[in-house]
Amino acid sequence: MTRTTESIPPDYFTELYASNPDPWDFTASPYEHAKYAATLAALGRPTYAEALEVGCSIGVLTRQLADRCGRLLSLDVAQSAIDAAKARCADSPHVAFLRAAVPSEWPPGRFDLVVLSEVLYFFTPEDLASLAAHLLAALKPGGEVVLVHWLGETNFPLSADEAVETLIGATAGQLQSGLQSRTERYRLDVLRAPA
């Protein structure tokens, strides 16, 4: 499988959702549900005052994160995905949504929690370096970063391991590695800012 050498553009996702409103079967997949449960279990605190979710898709994980966050800002590049996520989170007025393509459109604010689930391998190493710089500036002292990525082969710029290790390398010395977990199908890593 030949990999692309550029970060995946927003149009790719817009077209993907136009052809299938749930392209990764987030709503019904037992794999996805188990991964969401593991993600929530990896969170180091019962609640977070300010959280950011990059790549919220149709909001299945967003809705579960909402119960643990005082305020949650969820981003995606596809408007149809954001519309579906808003509908799913209609009972959670403390969740806000923004159509944005990181790293160039990183939102303002500082966060106790940043969730990057199934997104890092869409970026080139250069874009991951930029994302890491935004992440370091946006994390509050003691803040957590949760990284969850599928380990299968793709034609994206990087594999899960390459992408996660690139981000970990770009934040080395500034974020501390916490939980590192690996199943047959995905890896889950938690990084923490010094308190």
N, C-alpha and C. Protein backbone atom coordinates (compact mmCIF):
# COMPACT_ATOMS: atom_id res chain seq x y z
N MET A 1 0.85 -1.18 0.00
CA MET A 1 0.00 0.00 0.00
C MET A 1 0.89 1.24 0.00
N THR A 2 0.69 2.10 -0.96
CA THR A 2 1.49 3.32 -1.08
C THR A 2 0.89 4.42 -0.22
N ARG A 3 1.73 5.04 0.58
CA ARG A 3 1.26 6.12 1.45
C ARG A 3 1.37 7.46 0.76
N THR A 4 0.43 8.33 1.09
CA THR A 4 0.52 9.71 0.61
C THR A 4 1.63 10.42 1.37
N THR A 5 2.20 11.43 0.77
CA THR A 5 3.29 12.17 1.41
C THR A 5 2.85 13.52 1.95
N GLU A 6 1.55 13.79 1.86
CA GLU A 6 1.00 15.05 2.38
C GLU A 6 -0.07 14.76 3.41
N SER A 7 -0.29 15.71 4.32
CA SER A 7 -1.37 15.56 5.29
C SER A 7 -2.69 15.43 4.52
N ILE A 8 -3.61 14.64 5.08
CA ILE A 8 -4.88 14.39 4.41
C ILE A 8 -5.70 15.69 4.44
N PRO A 9 -6.17 16.17 3.28
CA PRO A 9 -6.89 17.45 3.22
C PRO A 9 -8.34 17.32 3.72
N PRO A 10 -8.92 18.43 4.16
CA PRO A 10 -10.31 18.41 4.64
C PRO A 10 -11.31 17.83 3.64
N ASP A 11 -11.10 18.08 2.35
CA ASP A 11 -12.03 17.57 1.34
C ASP A 11 -12.17 16.05 1.39
N TYR A 12 -11.10 15.36 1.73
CA TYR A 12 -11.15 13.90 1.84
C TYR A 12 -12.25 13.48 2.82
N PHE A 13 -12.30 14.17 3.97
CA PHE A 13 -13.27 13.81 5.00
C PHE A 13 -14.68 14.26 4.63
N THR A 14 -14.79 15.43 4.02
CA THR A 14 -16.09 15.91 3.56
C THR A 14 -16.71 14.90 2.59
N GLU A 15 -15.91 14.42 1.65
CA GLU A 15 -16.39 13.44 0.67
C GLU A 15 -16.69 12.09 1.33
N LEU A 16 -15.87 11.71 2.29
CA LEU A 16 -16.08 10.45 3.01
C LEU A 16 -17.43 10.45 3.72
N TYR A 17 -17.74 11.52 4.44
CA TYR A 17 -19.02 11.60 5.15
C TYR A 17 -20.20 11.75 4.20
N ALA A 18 -19.97 12.35 3.03
CA ALA A 18 -21.03 12.48 2.03
C ALA A 18 -21.44 11.10 1.51
N SER A 19 -20.47 10.18 1.42
CA SER A 19 -20.77 8.85 0.90
C SER A 19 -21.25 7.88 1.99
N ASN A 20 -20.92 8.18 3.25
CA ASN A 20 -21.32 7.32 4.37
C ASN A 20 -21.31 8.16 5.64
N PRO A 21 -22.46 8.42 6.26
CA PRO A 21 -22.50 9.28 7.44
C PRO A 21 -21.79 8.71 8.68
N ASP A 22 -21.48 7.41 8.67
CA ASP A 22 -20.73 6.79 9.76
C ASP A 22 -19.66 5.87 9.15
N PRO A 23 -18.64 6.47 8.51
CA PRO A 23 -17.71 5.67 7.71
C PRO A 23 -16.87 4.66 8.49
N TRP A 24 -16.72 4.84 9.78
CA TRP A 24 -15.93 3.90 10.58
C TRP A 24 -16.81 3.07 11.51
N ASP A 25 -18.11 3.14 11.33
CA ASP A 25 -19.06 2.34 12.13
C ASP A 25 -18.93 2.64 13.63
N PHE A 26 -18.75 3.93 13.95
CA PHE A 26 -18.60 4.33 15.35
C PHE A 26 -19.81 3.97 16.20
N THR A 27 -21.00 4.02 15.63
CA THR A 27 -22.21 3.82 16.44
C THR A 27 -22.46 2.36 16.80
N ALA A 28 -22.00 1.42 15.98
CA ALA A 28 -22.37 0.02 16.20
C ALA A 28 -21.20 -0.94 16.44
N SER A 29 -19.99 -0.54 16.11
CA SER A 29 -18.85 -1.46 16.17
C SER A 29 -18.46 -1.83 17.61
N PRO A 30 -18.45 -3.13 17.95
CA PRO A 30 -17.97 -3.54 19.27
C PRO A 30 -16.52 -3.10 19.53
N TYR A 31 -15.70 -3.12 18.48
CA TYR A 31 -14.32 -2.65 18.61
C TYR A 31 -14.28 -1.19 19.05
N GLU A 32 -15.06 -0.34 18.38
CA GLU A 32 -15.09 1.08 18.73
C GLU A 32 -15.60 1.27 20.16
N HIS A 33 -16.63 0.55 20.54
CA HIS A 33 -17.19 0.71 21.88
C HIS A 33 -16.18 0.29 22.95
N ALA A 34 -15.45 -0.81 22.70
CA ALA A 34 -14.42 -1.24 23.65
C ALA A 34 -13.29 -0.21 23.73
N LYS A 35 -12.94 0.36 22.60
CA LYS A 35 -11.87 1.37 22.56
C LYS A 35 -12.30 2.63 23.31
N TYR A 36 -13.56 3.03 23.14
CA TYR A 36 -14.06 4.20 23.88
C TYR A 36 -14.01 3.94 25.38
N ALA A 37 -14.41 2.75 25.80
CA ALA A 37 -14.38 2.41 27.24
C ALA A 37 -12.95 2.47 27.77
N ALA A 38 -11.99 1.95 26.99
CA ALA A 38 -10.59 2.00 27.40
C ALA A 38 -10.08 3.44 27.46
N THR A 39 -10.51 4.26 26.51
CA THR A 39 -10.11 5.67 26.49
C THR A 39 -10.59 6.38 27.74
N LEU A 40 -11.85 6.19 28.08
CA LEU A 40 -12.41 6.83 29.27
C LEU A 40 -11.75 6.30 30.54
N ALA A 41 -11.44 5.01 30.57
CA ALA A 41 -10.78 4.43 31.74
C ALA A 41 -9.36 4.95 31.91
N ALA A 42 -8.73 5.39 30.82
CA ALA A 42 -7.35 5.89 30.88
C ALA A 42 -7.26 7.31 31.42
N LEU A 43 -8.38 8.01 31.48
CA LEU A 43 -8.35 9.38 31.97
C LEU A 43 -7.95 9.40 33.44
N GLY A 44 -7.02 10.28 33.77
CA GLY A 44 -6.46 10.29 35.11
C GLY A 44 -7.31 10.98 36.16
N ARG A 45 -8.34 11.70 35.75
CA ARG A 45 -9.18 12.43 36.70
C ARG A 45 -10.65 12.09 36.46
N PRO A 46 -11.46 12.26 37.49
CA PRO A 46 -12.90 12.03 37.29
C PRO A 46 -13.52 13.08 36.36
N THR A 47 -13.03 14.34 36.47
CA THR A 47 -13.58 15.41 35.64
C THR A 47 -12.47 16.38 35.23
N TYR A 48 -12.75 17.12 34.15
CA TYR A 48 -11.82 18.11 33.62
C TYR A 48 -12.60 19.40 33.39
N ALA A 49 -12.03 20.53 33.82
CA ALA A 49 -12.73 21.81 33.66
C ALA A 49 -12.84 22.19 32.18
N GLU A 50 -11.73 22.08 31.44
CA GLU A 50 -11.68 22.49 30.03
C GLU A 50 -11.03 21.39 29.22
N ALA A 51 -11.72 20.90 28.21
CA ALA A 51 -11.17 19.82 27.39
C ALA A 51 -11.32 20.16 25.91
N LEU A 52 -10.43 19.59 25.12
CA LEU A 52 -10.42 19.75 23.67
C LEU A 52 -10.36 18.37 23.03
N GLU A 53 -11.24 18.13 22.08
CA GLU A 53 -11.23 16.89 21.31
C GLU A 53 -10.95 17.25 19.86
N VAL A 54 -9.86 16.74 19.31
CA VAL A 54 -9.49 17.02 17.92
C VAL A 54 -9.96 15.84 17.07
N GLY A 55 -10.84 16.12 16.11
CA GLY A 55 -11.36 15.07 15.25
C GLY A 55 -12.53 14.35 15.88
N CYS A 56 -13.59 15.09 16.19
CA CYS A 56 -14.73 14.50 16.91
C CYS A 56 -15.60 13.59 16.06
N SER A 57 -15.49 13.68 14.75
CA SER A 57 -16.33 12.90 13.84
C SER A 57 -17.80 13.13 14.19
N ILE A 58 -18.59 12.07 14.29
CA ILE A 58 -20.03 12.21 14.49
C ILE A 58 -20.42 12.26 15.96
N GLY A 59 -19.41 12.36 16.85
CA GLY A 59 -19.67 12.66 18.24
C GLY A 59 -19.98 11.50 19.17
N VAL A 60 -19.67 10.27 18.78
CA VAL A 60 -19.96 9.14 19.67
C VAL A 60 -19.09 9.21 20.91
N LEU A 61 -17.78 9.39 20.74
CA LEU A 61 -16.90 9.56 21.91
C LEU A 61 -17.16 10.90 22.57
N THR A 62 -17.45 11.92 21.80
CA THR A 62 -17.73 13.25 22.33
C THR A 62 -18.81 13.20 23.41
N ARG A 63 -19.89 12.49 23.09
CA ARG A 63 -21.01 12.40 24.04
C ARG A 63 -20.58 11.76 25.35
N GLN A 64 -19.69 10.78 25.28
CA GLN A 64 -19.20 10.13 26.49
C GLN A 64 -18.21 11.02 27.25
N LEU A 65 -17.36 11.73 26.51
CA LEU A 65 -16.44 12.67 27.15
C LEU A 65 -17.19 13.80 27.85
N ALA A 66 -18.32 14.19 27.30
CA ALA A 66 -19.10 15.31 27.85
C ALA A 66 -19.43 15.10 29.32
N ASP A 67 -19.65 13.86 29.71
CA ASP A 67 -19.99 13.57 31.10
C ASP A 67 -18.82 13.78 32.05
N ARG A 68 -17.61 13.91 31.51
CA ARG A 68 -16.43 14.07 32.34
C ARG A 68 -15.84 15.47 32.27
N CYS A 69 -16.49 16.38 31.53
CA CYS A 69 -15.90 17.69 31.27
C CYS A 69 -16.84 18.83 31.66
N GLY A 70 -16.28 19.86 32.31
CA GLY A 70 -17.05 21.06 32.59
C GLY A 70 -17.38 21.80 31.30
N ARG A 71 -16.37 21.89 30.42
CA ARG A 71 -16.54 22.44 29.08
C ARG A 71 -15.71 21.59 28.13
N LEU A 72 -16.29 21.33 26.97
CA LEU A 72 -15.62 20.52 25.96
C LEU A 72 -15.76 21.20 24.61
N LEU A 73 -14.63 21.44 23.96
CA LEU A 73 -14.61 21.97 22.60
C LEU A 73 -14.19 20.84 21.68
N SER A 74 -15.05 20.51 20.72
CA SER A 74 -14.79 19.41 19.80
C SER A 74 -14.65 19.94 18.39
N LEU A 75 -13.58 19.51 17.71
CA LEU A 75 -13.26 19.99 16.38
C LEU A 75 -13.40 18.88 15.35
N ASP A 76 -13.76 19.26 14.14
CA ASP A 76 -13.66 18.37 13.00
C ASP A 76 -13.55 19.23 11.75
N VAL A 77 -13.10 18.63 10.65
CA VAL A 77 -12.97 19.37 9.40
C VAL A 77 -14.20 19.23 8.51
N ALA A 78 -15.07 18.26 8.83
CA ALA A 78 -16.24 18.00 7.98
C ALA A 78 -17.50 18.54 8.66
N GLN A 79 -18.18 19.47 8.01
CA GLN A 79 -19.37 20.08 8.59
C GLN A 79 -20.47 19.06 8.85
N SER A 80 -20.64 18.09 7.96
CA SER A 80 -21.69 17.09 8.19
C SER A 80 -21.41 16.25 9.43
N ALA A 81 -20.14 15.97 9.70
CA ALA A 81 -19.79 15.25 10.93
C ALA A 81 -20.10 16.10 12.15
N ILE A 82 -19.76 17.38 12.09
CA ILE A 82 -20.06 18.28 13.21
C ILE A 82 -21.56 18.37 13.43
N ASP A 83 -22.33 18.46 12.37
CA ASP A 83 -23.80 18.52 12.51
C ASP A 83 -24.33 17.28 13.22
N ALA A 84 -23.81 16.11 12.87
CA ALA A 84 -24.23 14.87 13.52
C ALA A 84 -23.80 14.85 14.98
N ALA A 85 -22.59 15.34 15.25
CA ALA A 85 -22.10 15.38 16.64
C ALA A 85 -22.93 16.35 17.48
N LYS A 86 -23.29 17.49 16.91
CA LYS A 86 -24.15 18.45 17.64
C LYS A 86 -25.48 17.81 18.00
N ALA A 87 -26.07 17.11 17.07
CA ALA A 87 -27.34 16.43 17.34
C ALA A 87 -27.18 15.39 18.44
N ARG A 88 -26.09 14.64 18.39
CA ARG A 88 -25.86 13.59 19.39
C ARG A 88 -25.64 14.21 20.78
N CYS A 89 -25.11 15.42 20.83
CA CYS A 89 -24.79 16.07 22.10
C CYS A 89 -25.79 17.19 22.44
N ALA A 90 -26.97 17.13 21.87
CA ALA A 90 -27.97 18.20 22.06
C ALA A 90 -28.32 18.40 23.53
N ASP A 91 -28.19 17.36 24.34
CA ASP A 91 -28.51 17.47 25.77
C ASP A 91 -27.32 17.93 26.60
N SER A 92 -26.24 18.36 25.94
CA SER A 92 -25.02 18.76 26.63
C SER A 92 -24.61 20.16 26.19
N PRO A 93 -25.25 21.20 26.75
CA PRO A 93 -24.97 22.57 26.31
C PRO A 93 -23.54 23.05 26.61
N HIS A 94 -22.82 22.33 27.44
CA HIS A 94 -21.44 22.70 27.75
C HIS A 94 -20.45 22.18 26.70
N VAL A 95 -20.95 21.53 25.66
CA VAL A 95 -20.11 21.05 24.56
C VAL A 95 -20.27 22.01 23.39
N ALA A 96 -19.15 22.53 22.90
CA ALA A 96 -19.15 23.43 21.74
C ALA A 96 -18.42 22.74 20.59
N PHE A 97 -18.79 23.12 19.39
CA PHE A 97 -18.20 22.51 18.19
C PHE A 97 -17.64 23.59 17.29
N LEU A 98 -16.54 23.24 16.62
CA LEU A 98 -15.88 24.18 15.73
C LEU A 98 -15.35 23.41 14.53
N ARG A 99 -15.67 23.91 13.35
CA ARG A 99 -15.07 23.35 12.14
C ARG A 99 -13.70 23.97 12.00
N ALA A 100 -12.67 23.14 12.10
CA ALA A 100 -11.29 23.63 12.05
C ALA A 100 -10.37 22.52 11.60
N ALA A 101 -9.35 22.90 10.86
CA ALA A 101 -8.32 21.97 10.39
C ALA A 101 -7.03 22.28 11.13
N VAL A 102 -6.71 21.46 12.12
CA VAL A 102 -5.44 21.62 12.83
C VAL A 102 -4.34 21.01 11.96
N PRO A 103 -3.11 21.46 12.10
CA PRO A 103 -2.63 22.41 13.10
C PRO A 103 -2.80 23.88 12.71
N SER A 104 -3.11 24.18 11.46
CA SER A 104 -3.15 25.59 11.04
C SER A 104 -4.29 26.37 11.68
N GLU A 105 -5.35 25.68 12.07
CA GLU A 105 -6.50 26.36 12.69
C GLU A 105 -6.69 25.89 14.13
N TRP A 106 -5.65 25.97 14.91
CA TRP A 106 -5.70 25.56 16.31
C TRP A 106 -6.55 26.57 17.09
N PRO A 107 -7.46 26.11 17.93
CA PRO A 107 -8.34 27.04 18.64
C PRO A 107 -7.64 27.75 19.80
N PRO A 108 -8.11 28.92 20.18
CA PRO A 108 -7.56 29.58 21.36
C PRO A 108 -8.00 28.85 22.62
N GLY A 109 -7.34 29.15 23.72
CA GLY A 109 -7.72 28.59 25.01
C GLY A 109 -6.66 27.66 25.55
N ARG A 110 -6.84 27.32 26.83
CA ARG A 110 -5.94 26.37 27.50
C ARG A 110 -6.80 25.26 28.08
N PHE A 111 -6.24 24.06 28.11
CA PHE A 111 -7.04 22.88 28.38
C PHE A 111 -6.38 21.97 29.41
N ASP A 112 -7.24 21.30 30.19
CA ASP A 112 -6.78 20.28 31.15
C ASP A 112 -6.66 18.92 30.48
N LEU A 113 -7.37 18.77 29.35
CA LEU A 113 -7.39 17.49 28.64
C LEU A 113 -7.47 17.77 27.14
N VAL A 114 -6.62 17.08 26.38
CA VAL A 114 -6.71 17.10 24.91
C VAL A 114 -6.78 15.65 24.45
N VAL A 115 -7.81 15.33 23.68
CA VAL A 115 -7.99 13.98 23.15
C VAL A 115 -7.71 14.00 21.65
N LEU A 116 -6.77 13.17 21.25
CA LEU A 116 -6.41 13.00 19.84
C LEU A 116 -6.63 11.52 19.51
N SER A 117 -7.84 11.20 19.11
CA SER A 117 -8.21 9.81 18.85
C SER A 117 -8.37 9.59 17.36
N GLU A 118 -7.56 8.70 16.83
CA GLU A 118 -7.62 8.30 15.41
C GLU A 118 -7.38 9.47 14.46
N VAL A 119 -6.43 10.34 14.78
CA VAL A 119 -6.16 11.48 13.90
C VAL A 119 -4.69 11.68 13.53
N LEU A 120 -3.76 11.27 14.35
CA LEU A 120 -2.36 11.65 14.14
C LEU A 120 -1.79 11.13 12.84
N TYR A 121 -2.21 9.95 12.39
CA TYR A 121 -1.62 9.39 11.17
C TYR A 121 -2.09 10.09 9.90
N PHE A 122 -3.03 11.02 10.02
CA PHE A 122 -3.46 11.82 8.87
C PHE A 122 -2.46 12.93 8.54
N PHE A 123 -1.47 13.16 9.44
CA PHE A 123 -0.55 14.28 9.31
C PHE A 123 0.85 13.85 8.91
N THR A 124 1.57 14.76 8.27
CA THR A 124 2.99 14.57 7.99
C THR A 124 3.78 14.85 9.27
N PRO A 125 5.03 14.41 9.34
CA PRO A 125 5.86 14.75 10.50
C PRO A 125 5.96 16.26 10.74
N GLU A 126 6.01 17.04 9.66
CA GLU A 126 6.10 18.50 9.80
C GLU A 126 4.84 19.06 10.46
N ASP A 127 3.67 18.59 10.03
CA ASP A 127 2.43 19.05 10.64
C ASP A 127 2.31 18.57 12.09
N LEU A 128 2.83 17.38 12.37
CA LEU A 128 2.82 16.89 13.75
C LEU A 128 3.71 17.75 14.64
N ALA A 129 4.82 18.24 14.11
CA ALA A 129 5.69 19.13 14.89
C ALA A 129 4.95 20.42 15.23
N SER A 130 4.20 20.95 14.27
CA SER A 130 3.40 22.15 14.50
C SER A 130 2.29 21.86 15.50
N LEU A 131 1.64 20.72 15.36
CA LEU A 131 0.58 20.33 16.30
C LEU A 131 1.15 20.20 17.71
N ALA A 132 2.33 19.62 17.83
CA ALA A 132 2.97 19.47 19.14
C ALA A 132 3.23 20.82 19.79
N ALA A 133 3.67 21.80 19.01
CA ALA A 133 3.93 23.14 19.55
C ALA A 133 2.63 23.77 20.07
N HIS A 134 1.55 23.62 19.30
CA HIS A 134 0.25 24.13 19.77
C HIS A 134 -0.19 23.42 21.05
N LEU A 135 0.00 22.12 21.07
CA LEU A 135 -0.40 21.31 22.22
C LEU A 135 0.33 21.76 23.48
N LEU A 136 1.63 21.95 23.37
CA LEU A 136 2.42 22.37 24.53
C LEU A 136 1.97 23.74 25.03
N ALA A 137 1.65 24.65 24.13
CA ALA A 137 1.20 25.98 24.53
C ALA A 137 -0.20 25.95 25.13
N ALA A 138 -1.02 24.98 24.71
CA ALA A 138 -2.43 24.96 25.13
C ALA A 138 -2.68 24.17 26.41
N LEU A 139 -1.76 23.32 26.80
CA LEU A 139 -1.99 22.49 27.98
C LEU A 139 -1.76 23.27 29.27
N LYS A 140 -2.71 23.16 30.18
CA LYS A 140 -2.53 23.73 31.51
C LYS A 140 -1.56 22.85 32.30
N PRO A 141 -0.95 23.40 33.36
CA PRO A 141 -0.09 22.56 34.20
C PRO A 141 -0.86 21.33 34.68
N GLY A 142 -0.24 20.17 34.56
CA GLY A 142 -0.89 18.93 34.97
C GLY A 142 -1.88 18.39 33.95
N GLY A 143 -2.00 19.08 32.81
CA GLY A 143 -2.95 18.65 31.79
C GLY A 143 -2.55 17.33 31.15
N GLU A 144 -3.53 16.64 30.59
CA GLU A 144 -3.31 15.33 29.99
C GLU A 144 -3.60 15.36 28.49
N VAL A 145 -2.86 14.55 27.77
CA VAL A 145 -3.10 14.32 26.34
C VAL A 145 -3.34 12.82 26.17
N VAL A 146 -4.46 12.48 25.56
CA VAL A 146 -4.78 11.07 25.32
C VAL A 146 -4.70 10.81 23.82
N LEU A 147 -3.89 9.83 23.46
CA LEU A 147 -3.67 9.45 22.06
C LEU A 147 -4.17 8.01 21.88
N VAL A 148 -5.09 7.82 20.94
CA VAL A 148 -5.63 6.48 20.67
C VAL A 148 -5.62 6.27 19.16
N HIS A 149 -4.93 5.21 18.70
CA HIS A 149 -4.78 5.02 17.26
C HIS A 149 -4.78 3.56 16.84
N TRP A 150 -5.52 3.30 15.76
CA TRP A 150 -5.63 1.97 15.16
C TRP A 150 -4.29 1.57 14.54
N LEU A 151 -3.91 0.30 14.71
CA LEU A 151 -2.59 -0.17 14.30
C LEU A 151 -2.54 -0.78 12.90
N GLY A 152 -3.66 -0.85 12.20
CA GLY A 152 -3.68 -1.46 10.88
C GLY A 152 -2.97 -0.65 9.82
N GLU A 153 -2.78 -1.27 8.67
CA GLU A 153 -2.12 -0.60 7.54
C GLU A 153 -3.07 0.40 6.89
N THR A 154 -2.52 1.54 6.49
CA THR A 154 -3.30 2.57 5.81
C THR A 154 -2.45 3.16 4.69
N ASN A 155 -3.07 4.01 3.89
CA ASN A 155 -2.31 4.78 2.91
C ASN A 155 -2.12 6.22 3.37
N PHE A 156 -2.28 6.46 4.67
CA PHE A 156 -2.09 7.78 5.25
C PHE A 156 -0.58 8.07 5.34
N PRO A 157 -0.19 9.31 5.64
CA PRO A 157 1.24 9.64 5.67
C PRO A 157 2.07 8.79 6.62
N LEU A 158 1.49 8.42 7.78
CA LEU A 158 2.25 7.68 8.79
C LEU A 158 1.42 6.52 9.34
N SER A 159 2.09 5.52 9.86
CA SER A 159 1.41 4.47 10.61
C SER A 159 1.07 5.02 11.99
N ALA A 160 0.26 4.29 12.73
CA ALA A 160 -0.07 4.72 14.10
C ALA A 160 1.20 4.86 14.93
N ASP A 161 2.05 3.85 14.89
CA ASP A 161 3.27 3.90 15.70
C ASP A 161 4.17 5.06 15.29
N GLU A 162 4.34 5.27 13.99
CA GLU A 162 5.17 6.40 13.53
C GLU A 162 4.60 7.73 13.99
N ALA A 163 3.28 7.88 13.84
CA ALA A 163 2.64 9.15 14.19
C ALA A 163 2.73 9.43 15.69
N VAL A 164 2.39 8.44 16.49
CA VAL A 164 2.41 8.64 17.95
C VAL A 164 3.83 8.87 18.44
N GLU A 165 4.78 8.08 17.94
CA GLU A 165 6.16 8.27 18.38
C GLU A 165 6.72 9.62 17.93
N THR A 166 6.27 10.10 16.76
CA THR A 166 6.69 11.43 16.30
C THR A 166 6.19 12.50 17.26
N LEU A 167 4.94 12.41 17.67
CA LEU A 167 4.39 13.40 18.60
C LEU A 167 5.07 13.29 19.97
N ILE A 168 5.26 12.08 20.44
CA ILE A 168 5.95 11.89 21.72
C ILE A 168 7.36 12.48 21.65
N GLY A 169 8.05 12.24 20.54
CA GLY A 169 9.39 12.79 20.37
C GLY A 169 9.39 14.31 20.34
N ALA A 170 8.38 14.89 19.70
CA ALA A 170 8.29 16.35 19.59
C ALA A 170 7.95 17.02 20.92
N THR A 171 7.43 16.26 21.88
CA THR A 171 7.08 16.82 23.19
C THR A 171 7.99 16.29 24.29
N ALA A 172 9.02 15.53 23.92
CA ALA A 172 9.93 14.94 24.90
C ALA A 172 10.58 16.03 25.74
N GLY A 173 10.69 15.75 27.02
CA GLY A 173 11.27 16.72 27.93
C GLY A 173 10.28 17.75 28.43
N GLN A 174 9.10 17.80 27.81
CA GLN A 174 8.07 18.75 28.23
C GLN A 174 6.79 18.06 28.68
N LEU A 175 6.50 16.90 28.09
CA LEU A 175 5.38 16.09 28.55
C LEU A 175 5.93 14.75 29.04
N GLN A 176 5.33 14.24 30.09
CA GLN A 176 5.78 12.98 30.67
C GLN A 176 4.88 11.85 30.18
N SER A 177 5.47 10.72 29.86
CA SER A 177 4.68 9.55 29.46
C SER A 177 4.00 8.97 30.69
N GLY A 178 2.72 8.73 30.54
CA GLY A 178 1.95 8.07 31.59
C GLY A 178 1.61 6.67 31.11
N LEU A 179 0.35 6.38 31.08
CA LEU A 179 -0.13 5.07 30.64
C LEU A 179 0.26 4.82 29.18
N GLN A 180 0.74 3.63 28.91
CA GLN A 180 0.96 3.17 27.54
C GLN A 180 0.36 1.77 27.46
N SER A 181 -0.63 1.63 26.59
CA SER A 181 -1.35 0.36 26.48
C SER A 181 -1.44 -0.01 25.01
N ARG A 182 -1.40 -1.31 24.75
CA ARG A 182 -1.45 -1.78 23.36
C ARG A 182 -2.29 -3.04 23.29
N THR A 183 -3.23 -3.04 22.38
CA THR A 183 -3.99 -4.25 22.10
C THR A 183 -3.57 -4.73 20.71
N GLU A 184 -4.18 -5.77 20.24
CA GLU A 184 -3.87 -6.27 18.90
C GLU A 184 -4.23 -5.24 17.83
N ARG A 185 -5.22 -4.38 18.12
CA ARG A 185 -5.74 -3.49 17.08
C ARG A 185 -5.46 -2.00 17.28
N TYR A 186 -5.17 -1.57 18.50
CA TYR A 186 -4.91 -0.14 18.72
C TYR A 186 -3.92 0.05 19.85
N ARG A 187 -3.32 1.26 19.87
CA ARG A 187 -2.48 1.67 20.99
C ARG A 187 -3.11 2.88 21.66
N LEU A 188 -2.89 2.99 22.96
CA LEU A 188 -3.43 4.09 23.75
C LEU A 188 -2.30 4.64 24.60
N ASP A 189 -2.04 5.92 24.48
CA ASP A 189 -0.95 6.56 25.22
C ASP A 189 -1.49 7.80 25.93
N VAL A 190 -1.02 8.02 27.14
CA VAL A 190 -1.39 9.23 27.88
C VAL A 190 -0.10 9.98 28.21
N LEU A 191 -0.09 11.27 27.86
CA LEU A 191 1.03 12.17 28.19
C LEU A 191 0.53 13.20 29.18
N ARG A 192 1.42 13.66 30.06
CA ARG A 192 1.02 14.67 31.06
C ARG A 192 2.00 15.82 31.11
N ALA A 193 1.44 17.01 31.25
CA ALA A 193 2.26 18.19 31.47
C ALA A 193 2.65 18.25 32.94
N PRO A 194 3.84 18.75 33.26
CA PRO A 194 4.20 18.88 34.67
C PRO A 194 3.20 19.77 35.40
N ALA A 195 2.93 19.43 36.64
CA ALA A 195 1.95 20.20 37.43
C ALA A 195 2.56 21.54 37.83
